[in-house]
Amino acid sequence: MPNIAVVGMGNWGMNLVRVYNQLESLYIGCDMDPNKIHFMRNHYHNVKFTDSFSEILNDRKVDGIVISTPSPTHYELARKAMLADKAVYIEKPMTLDSGEAEDLVALAENKRLPLMVGHLLRYHPAVHKIKELIEKNELGDIYYIYSQRTNLGTIRKDENALWSFAPHDISVILYLLGSEIDTVSARGGAYLQKDVEDVVFLNIQYKDKTMANLQLSWLDPYKERKFTIVGSKKMVTFDDMQHTEKIRICDKGVHKEPGYVSYGDSLTLRFGDINIPKIDITEPLKLECQHFLECIDKNKEPDTSGRDGVKVVKILEKAQTSMQQNGHPVKVSL
């Protein structure tokens, strides 16, 4: 079993520590905060903890480094890790600059090391089920997707709601829709801090006319984690806030009658059954961590590779540009 080092033990880093410890792969943890190290030592007696990243780089027993630090530090830490011949997992967003992200991909390929990005929802059994429905053409042609990722807090200072929340949903949309993106446009509002948008509405326009819309906010009365996919045959909702019935397949749509009839008479609404498929309730983070261990063990490319991370960062960059241009659509080339 590969030995894992978790670097950064904030709220999400503590979850990574928990899961890798359950998988019996957690070898060492690292954080600059002595209080966090003290807390972790009291809870994980079989694990080493340090405030020195260099110690991890120089430890030959470390096979993979999981980076869960603030986004501006991702590039430098990941680069140093791969130069030390360690497999790397980076939490989202991969970097804050697509050039830096591409540099990490090139380094990983040169060193023949797994480089994985923490696009957690790509490992969610519900997302895999939706992908299966699309591939089997059970939904028909996909018209549009929209997602809602809102909450009251946690308010960031070093990244806005776009960079903090959108990577999850963008990675899922790229996974579900295989067509080519044409433009992105975004509008945001900074209400609590200057130049840090608390709420963002992001639109992705595909060349085949499919659309995606993302609502992103940490300034909202309701916590929402929801996708809606509308197809020509059926419609699907994925509500991650539900404990059991996460997916609902709605046999609803609009049927266009053939023949020469008036426009209004040619459209017929269809209201059918709602199907709730059984979904595996395995924790997505556990599946994600297991996949990273497998990639290290077999030296294979992760499902959410560095190249996937580059695509997400490029879309984020274009969306940020659009916000600065008051929502003007910006061309995207992936």
Protein backbone atom coordinates (compact mmCIF):
# COMPACT_ATOMS: atom_id res chain seq x y z
CA MET A 1 0.00 0.00 0.00
CA PRO A 2 1.47 3.43 -0.95
CA ASN A 3 2.48 5.81 1.83
CA ILE A 4 0.62 9.13 1.68
CA ALA A 5 1.57 12.54 3.03
CA VAL A 6 -1.25 15.06 3.50
CA VAL A 7 -0.05 18.66 3.33
CA GLY A 8 -2.48 21.23 4.73
CA MET A 9 -4.82 20.24 7.54
CA GLY A 10 -7.61 22.76 7.33
CA ASN A 11 -11.26 21.69 7.28
CA TRP A 12 -10.94 19.66 4.09
CA GLY A 13 -7.42 18.49 4.83
CA MET A 14 -8.72 16.91 8.04
CA ASN A 15 -11.19 14.90 5.95
CA LEU A 16 -8.35 13.69 3.74
CA VAL A 17 -6.38 12.71 6.84
CA ARG A 18 -9.39 10.80 8.15
CA VAL A 19 -9.99 8.85 4.94
CA TYR A 20 -6.36 7.99 4.19
CA ASN A 21 -5.98 6.83 7.78
CA GLN A 22 -9.03 4.59 7.33
CA LEU A 23 -7.41 3.22 4.17
CA GLU A 24 -4.25 2.52 6.21
CA SER A 25 -2.16 4.66 3.87
CA LEU A 26 -1.62 7.82 5.92
CA TYR A 27 2.09 8.01 6.70
CA ILE A 28 2.65 11.66 7.62
CA GLY A 29 0.76 14.95 7.86
CA CYS A 30 2.09 18.47 7.48
CA ASP A 31 0.87 21.93 8.48
CA MET A 32 2.50 25.19 9.51
CA ASP A 33 0.07 25.68 12.41
CA PRO A 34 1.45 24.09 15.62
CA ASN A 35 -2.05 23.95 17.12
CA LYS A 36 -3.28 21.78 14.25
CA ILE A 37 -0.29 19.48 14.59
CA HIS A 38 -0.92 19.14 18.32
CA PHE A 39 -4.60 18.37 17.68
CA MET A 40 -3.78 15.74 15.04
CA ARG A 41 -1.15 14.03 17.17
CA ASN A 42 -3.73 13.59 19.90
CA HIS A 43 -6.17 11.95 17.49
CA TYR A 44 -3.84 9.92 15.24
CA HIS A 45 -1.24 8.28 17.43
CA ASN A 46 0.09 6.02 14.67
CA VAL A 47 0.86 8.88 12.26
CA LYS A 48 3.80 11.28 12.07
CA PHE A 49 3.18 15.02 11.84
CA THR A 50 5.54 17.82 10.90
CA ASP A 51 5.63 21.50 10.04
CA SER A 52 8.39 20.94 7.47
CA PHE A 53 7.46 20.32 3.82
CA SER A 54 11.13 19.65 3.10
CA GLU A 55 11.03 16.73 5.51
CA ILE A 56 8.29 15.14 3.42
CA LEU A 57 10.15 15.78 0.16
CA ASN A 58 13.29 14.11 1.52
CA ASP A 59 11.50 11.11 3.03
CA ARG A 60 11.95 8.14 0.68
CA LYS A 61 9.04 6.31 2.30
CA VAL A 62 6.56 8.90 0.96
CA ASP A 63 5.04 7.70 -2.32
CA GLY A 64 2.37 10.33 -2.85
CA ILE A 65 1.72 13.86 -1.61
CA VAL A 66 -1.82 15.18 -1.18
CA ILE A 67 -1.89 18.99 -1.35
CA SER A 68 -4.80 20.62 0.48
CA THR A 69 -3.36 24.07 1.08
CA PRO A 70 -4.62 27.52 -0.05
CA SER A 71 -4.92 27.73 -3.84
CA PRO A 72 -2.06 30.24 -4.41
CA THR A 73 0.41 27.67 -3.00
CA HIS A 74 -0.66 24.73 -5.19
CA TYR A 75 1.72 25.26 -8.08
CA GLU A 76 4.95 25.62 -6.12
CA LEU A 77 4.20 22.76 -3.72
CA ALA A 78 3.15 20.38 -6.51
CA ARG A 79 6.18 21.26 -8.60
CA LYS A 80 8.56 20.60 -5.70
CA ALA A 81 6.80 17.33 -4.94
CA MET A 82 7.17 15.99 -8.47
CA LEU A 83 10.79 17.13 -8.67
CA ALA A 84 11.26 14.93 -5.59
CA ASP A 85 9.69 12.03 -7.55
CA LYS A 86 6.42 11.95 -5.60
CA ALA A 87 3.00 11.30 -7.12
CA VAL A 88 0.75 14.33 -6.56
CA TYR A 89 -2.88 14.96 -5.77
CA ILE A 90 -3.94 18.64 -5.76
CA GLU A 91 -7.20 19.91 -4.34
CA LYS A 92 -9.29 22.15 -6.59
CA PRO A 93 -8.65 24.52 -8.20
CA MET A 94 -5.49 22.92 -9.57
CA THR A 95 -3.77 26.31 -9.88
CA LEU A 96 -4.85 29.92 -10.36
CA ASP A 97 -3.10 30.15 -13.73
CA SER A 98 -3.51 27.82 -16.74
CA GLY A 99 0.14 28.27 -17.73
CA GLU A 100 1.23 26.96 -14.34
CA ALA A 101 -1.25 24.09 -14.64
CA GLU A 102 0.15 23.13 -18.04
CA ASP A 103 3.67 23.29 -16.61
CA LEU A 104 2.69 20.76 -13.93
CA VAL A 105 1.18 18.44 -16.55
CA ALA A 106 4.37 18.58 -18.61
CA LEU A 107 6.47 17.86 -15.52
CA ALA A 108 4.29 14.89 -14.53
CA GLU A 109 4.57 13.43 -18.03
CA ASN A 110 8.32 13.99 -18.09
CA LYS A 111 8.75 12.33 -14.68
CA ARG A 112 6.11 9.67 -15.50
CA LEU A 113 4.26 10.40 -12.27
CA PRO A 114 0.51 10.37 -11.56
CA LEU A 115 -0.91 13.89 -11.26
CA MET A 116 -4.47 13.97 -9.97
CA VAL A 117 -6.84 16.88 -9.30
CA GLY A 118 -9.45 16.78 -6.54
CA HIS A 119 -12.59 17.08 -8.65
CA LEU A 120 -14.54 15.13 -6.05
CA LEU A 121 -17.91 14.89 -7.79
CA ARG A 122 -16.36 12.96 -10.68
CA TYR A 123 -16.16 10.05 -8.23
CA HIS A 124 -19.73 10.38 -7.00
CA PRO A 125 -21.82 7.27 -7.84
CA ALA A 126 -24.76 9.53 -8.76
CA VAL A 127 -22.68 11.34 -11.40
CA HIS A 128 -21.57 8.01 -12.84
CA LYS A 129 -25.24 6.96 -13.03
CA ILE A 130 -26.16 10.13 -14.95
CA LYS A 131 -23.25 9.55 -17.35
CA GLU A 132 -24.56 6.03 -17.93
CA LEU A 133 -28.06 7.36 -18.69
CA ILE A 134 -26.62 9.83 -21.21
CA GLU A 135 -24.43 7.23 -22.92
CA LYS A 136 -27.41 4.86 -23.23
CA ASN A 137 -29.40 7.73 -24.78
CA GLU A 138 -32.13 7.36 -22.17
CA LEU A 139 -32.34 11.14 -21.82
CA GLY A 140 -32.19 11.81 -25.55
CA ASP A 141 -30.42 14.92 -26.80
CA ILE A 142 -29.21 17.04 -23.89
CA TYR A 143 -30.68 20.54 -24.16
CA TYR A 144 -29.19 22.15 -21.08
CA ILE A 145 -27.78 21.61 -17.58
CA TYR A 146 -27.92 23.91 -14.61
CA SER A 147 -26.37 23.59 -11.18
CA GLN A 148 -26.86 25.31 -7.84
CA ARG A 149 -23.99 25.44 -5.35
CA THR A 150 -24.96 27.88 -2.61
CA ASN A 151 -24.58 28.30 1.15
CA LEU A 152 -24.16 30.93 3.86
CA GLY A 153 -20.35 30.82 4.37
CA THR A 154 -17.51 29.83 4.45
CA ILE A 155 -16.36 33.23 3.14
CA ARG A 156 -12.92 33.17 1.46
CA LYS A 157 -10.46 36.03 1.15
CA ASP A 158 -7.94 34.65 -1.35
CA GLU A 159 -10.47 33.45 -4.00
CA ASN A 160 -13.97 34.41 -5.06
CA ALA A 161 -17.07 32.21 -5.32
CA LEU A 162 -16.20 31.38 -8.93
CA TRP A 163 -12.79 29.89 -8.17
CA SER A 164 -13.90 28.35 -4.89
CA PHE A 165 -17.14 26.66 -5.98
CA ALA A 166 -17.21 26.33 -9.78
CA PRO A 167 -14.43 23.70 -10.25
CA HIS A 168 -16.72 20.98 -8.85
CA ASP A 169 -19.57 21.70 -11.24
CA ILE A 170 -17.44 22.52 -14.28
CA SER A 171 -15.64 19.19 -13.98
CA VAL A 172 -18.98 17.35 -13.88
CA ILE A 173 -20.38 19.27 -16.85
CA LEU A 174 -17.24 18.57 -18.91
CA TYR A 175 -17.59 14.88 -17.98
CA LEU A 176 -21.26 14.65 -18.90
CA LEU A 177 -21.16 16.71 -22.10
CA GLY A 178 -18.66 15.63 -24.70
CA SER A 179 -19.28 18.43 -27.19
CA GLU A 180 -17.02 21.43 -27.77
CA ILE A 181 -17.43 24.65 -25.79
CA ASP A 182 -17.89 27.88 -27.74
CA THR A 183 -18.05 30.69 -25.16
CA VAL A 184 -18.39 31.40 -21.45
CA SER A 185 -19.93 34.45 -19.82
CA ALA A 186 -20.22 35.39 -16.16
CA ARG A 187 -21.59 38.10 -13.92
CA GLY A 188 -20.71 38.45 -10.25
CA GLY A 189 -21.29 40.65 -7.24
CA ALA A 190 -18.85 41.56 -4.46
CA TYR A 191 -21.00 42.57 -1.49
CA LEU A 192 -18.94 41.68 1.57
CA GLN A 193 -15.37 42.37 0.41
CA LYS A 194 -14.01 44.59 -2.32
CA ASP A 195 -13.14 42.72 -5.55
CA VAL A 196 -14.04 39.29 -4.09
CA GLU A 197 -17.29 38.15 -5.68
CA ASP A 198 -19.65 36.47 -3.21
CA VAL A 199 -22.12 35.38 -5.89
CA VAL A 200 -21.49 34.43 -9.53
CA PHE A 201 -23.76 33.32 -12.36
CA LEU A 202 -21.73 31.45 -14.99
CA ASN A 203 -23.00 30.44 -18.44
CA ILE A 204 -21.30 27.94 -20.74
CA GLN A 205 -22.41 27.86 -24.39
CA TYR A 206 -21.54 24.80 -26.48
CA LYS A 207 -21.10 24.83 -30.25
CA ASP A 208 -23.97 22.35 -30.63
CA LYS A 209 -26.26 24.86 -28.82
CA THR A 210 -26.26 22.91 -25.51
CA MET A 211 -26.09 25.27 -22.54
CA ALA A 212 -24.93 25.04 -18.94
CA ASN A 213 -25.61 27.51 -16.15
CA LEU A 214 -23.97 27.58 -12.72
CA GLN A 215 -25.28 29.51 -9.71
CA LEU A 216 -22.48 29.97 -7.17
CA SER A 217 -22.77 31.78 -3.84
CA TRP A 218 -21.62 31.72 -0.23
CA LEU A 219 -24.12 34.49 0.50
CA ASP A 220 -27.39 32.58 0.30
CA PRO A 221 -30.00 31.48 2.88
CA TYR A 222 -30.07 27.87 1.61
CA LYS A 223 -27.41 25.22 1.19
CA GLU A 224 -27.89 23.71 -2.25
CA ARG A 225 -25.85 21.09 -4.09
CA LYS A 226 -28.01 20.28 -7.07
CA PHE A 227 -27.85 19.51 -10.81
CA THR A 228 -30.72 19.43 -13.29
CA ILE A 229 -30.23 17.86 -16.73
CA VAL A 230 -32.93 18.41 -19.36
CA GLY A 231 -33.03 16.11 -22.37
CA SER A 232 -35.36 15.58 -25.30
CA LYS A 233 -36.67 12.30 -23.81
CA LYS A 234 -36.30 12.63 -20.05
CA MET A 235 -35.08 14.99 -17.34
CA VAL A 236 -32.89 14.21 -14.32
CA THR A 237 -32.21 15.91 -11.01
CA PHE A 238 -29.26 15.11 -8.76
CA ASP A 239 -29.62 16.54 -5.26
CA ASP A 240 -26.56 15.78 -3.16
CA MET A 241 -28.24 17.21 -0.05
CA GLN A 242 -30.63 14.25 -0.05
CA HIS A 243 -29.42 11.33 2.06
CA THR A 244 -30.95 8.54 -0.03
CA GLU A 245 -33.01 9.65 -3.05
CA LYS A 246 -30.21 11.59 -4.73
CA ILE A 247 -31.36 11.02 -8.33
CA ARG A 248 -34.83 11.44 -9.81
CA ILE A 249 -35.44 10.51 -13.45
CA CYS A 250 -38.51 12.37 -14.71
CA ASP A 251 -40.26 10.96 -17.76
CA LYS A 252 -41.34 14.43 -18.83
CA GLY A 253 -40.88 16.30 -22.06
CA VAL A 254 -42.39 18.00 -25.05
CA HIS A 255 -43.33 15.91 -28.09
CA LYS A 256 -43.47 17.51 -31.52
CA GLU A 257 -46.18 16.00 -33.70
CA PRO A 258 -45.22 15.27 -37.32
CA GLY A 259 -47.11 16.73 -40.22
CA TYR A 260 -48.33 20.12 -41.31
CA VAL A 261 -50.20 21.48 -38.32
CA SER A 262 -50.04 24.81 -36.55
CA TYR A 263 -47.02 25.44 -34.34
CA GLY A 264 -49.02 25.39 -31.09
CA ASP A 265 -50.89 22.22 -32.04
CA SER A 266 -47.64 20.43 -32.93
CA LEU A 267 -46.24 20.58 -29.39
CA THR A 268 -47.60 18.12 -26.80
CA LEU A 269 -46.55 18.06 -23.16
CA ARG A 270 -45.75 14.65 -21.67
CA PHE A 271 -45.97 13.95 -17.95
CA GLY A 272 -44.82 10.43 -17.08
CA ASP A 273 -43.50 8.56 -14.06
CA ILE A 274 -40.66 9.62 -11.79
CA ASN A 275 -38.08 6.90 -11.25
CA ILE A 276 -35.70 6.94 -8.28
CA PRO A 277 -32.81 4.54 -9.00
CA LYS A 278 -30.83 2.93 -6.20
CA ILE A 279 -27.42 4.59 -5.86
CA ASP A 280 -24.32 3.26 -4.11
CA ILE A 281 -23.90 5.27 -0.88
CA THR A 282 -20.10 4.83 -0.68
CA GLU A 283 -18.47 8.12 0.35
CA PRO A 284 -17.17 9.84 -2.82
CA LEU A 285 -14.04 11.04 -0.99
CA LYS A 286 -13.18 7.45 -0.11
CA LEU A 287 -13.59 6.41 -3.75
CA GLU A 288 -11.43 9.33 -4.84
CA CYS A 289 -8.66 8.50 -2.36
CA GLN A 290 -8.75 4.83 -3.31
CA HIS A 291 -8.34 5.84 -6.95
CA PHE A 292 -5.24 7.92 -6.15
CA LEU A 293 -3.72 4.96 -4.31
CA GLU A 294 -4.48 2.72 -7.30
CA CYS A 295 -2.88 5.21 -9.69
CA ILE A 296 0.29 5.26 -7.58
CA ASP A 297 0.33 1.49 -7.25
CA LYS A 298 -0.16 0.88 -10.98
CA ASN A 299 1.47 4.14 -12.17
CA LYS A 300 -1.54 5.01 -14.31
CA GLU A 301 -3.22 8.27 -15.29
CA PRO A 302 -6.03 9.33 -12.93
CA ASP A 303 -9.60 9.77 -14.12
CA THR A 304 -9.31 13.42 -13.03
CA SER A 305 -5.86 13.99 -14.43
CA GLY A 306 -3.81 17.12 -14.65
CA ARG A 307 -5.14 17.63 -18.18
CA ASP A 308 -8.68 17.75 -16.78
CA GLY A 309 -7.46 20.26 -14.24
CA VAL A 310 -6.03 22.46 -17.01
CA LYS A 311 -9.39 22.53 -18.82
CA VAL A 312 -11.21 23.61 -15.67
CA VAL A 313 -8.67 26.35 -14.93
CA LYS A 314 -8.92 27.67 -18.50
CA ILE A 315 -12.71 27.95 -18.20
CA LEU A 316 -12.33 29.71 -14.84
CA GLU A 317 -9.88 32.18 -16.38
CA LYS A 318 -12.24 32.98 -19.25
CA ALA A 319 -15.16 33.35 -16.84
CA GLN A 320 -13.10 35.75 -14.71
CA THR A 321 -12.29 37.76 -17.84
CA SER A 322 -15.98 37.87 -18.72
CA MET A 323 -16.86 39.18 -15.25
CA GLN A 324 -14.29 41.92 -15.67
CA GLN A 325 -15.94 42.76 -19.01
CA ASN A 326 -19.41 43.04 -17.45
CA GLY A 327 -20.54 39.61 -18.65
CA HIS A 328 -19.34 39.82 -22.26
CA PRO A 329 -19.04 36.29 -23.80
CA VAL A 330 -15.46 35.07 -24.12
CA LYS A 331 -14.29 32.40 -26.57
CA VAL A 332 -12.87 29.22 -25.07
CA SER A 333 -10.25 26.92 -26.57
CA LEU A 334 -9.51 23.72 -24.67
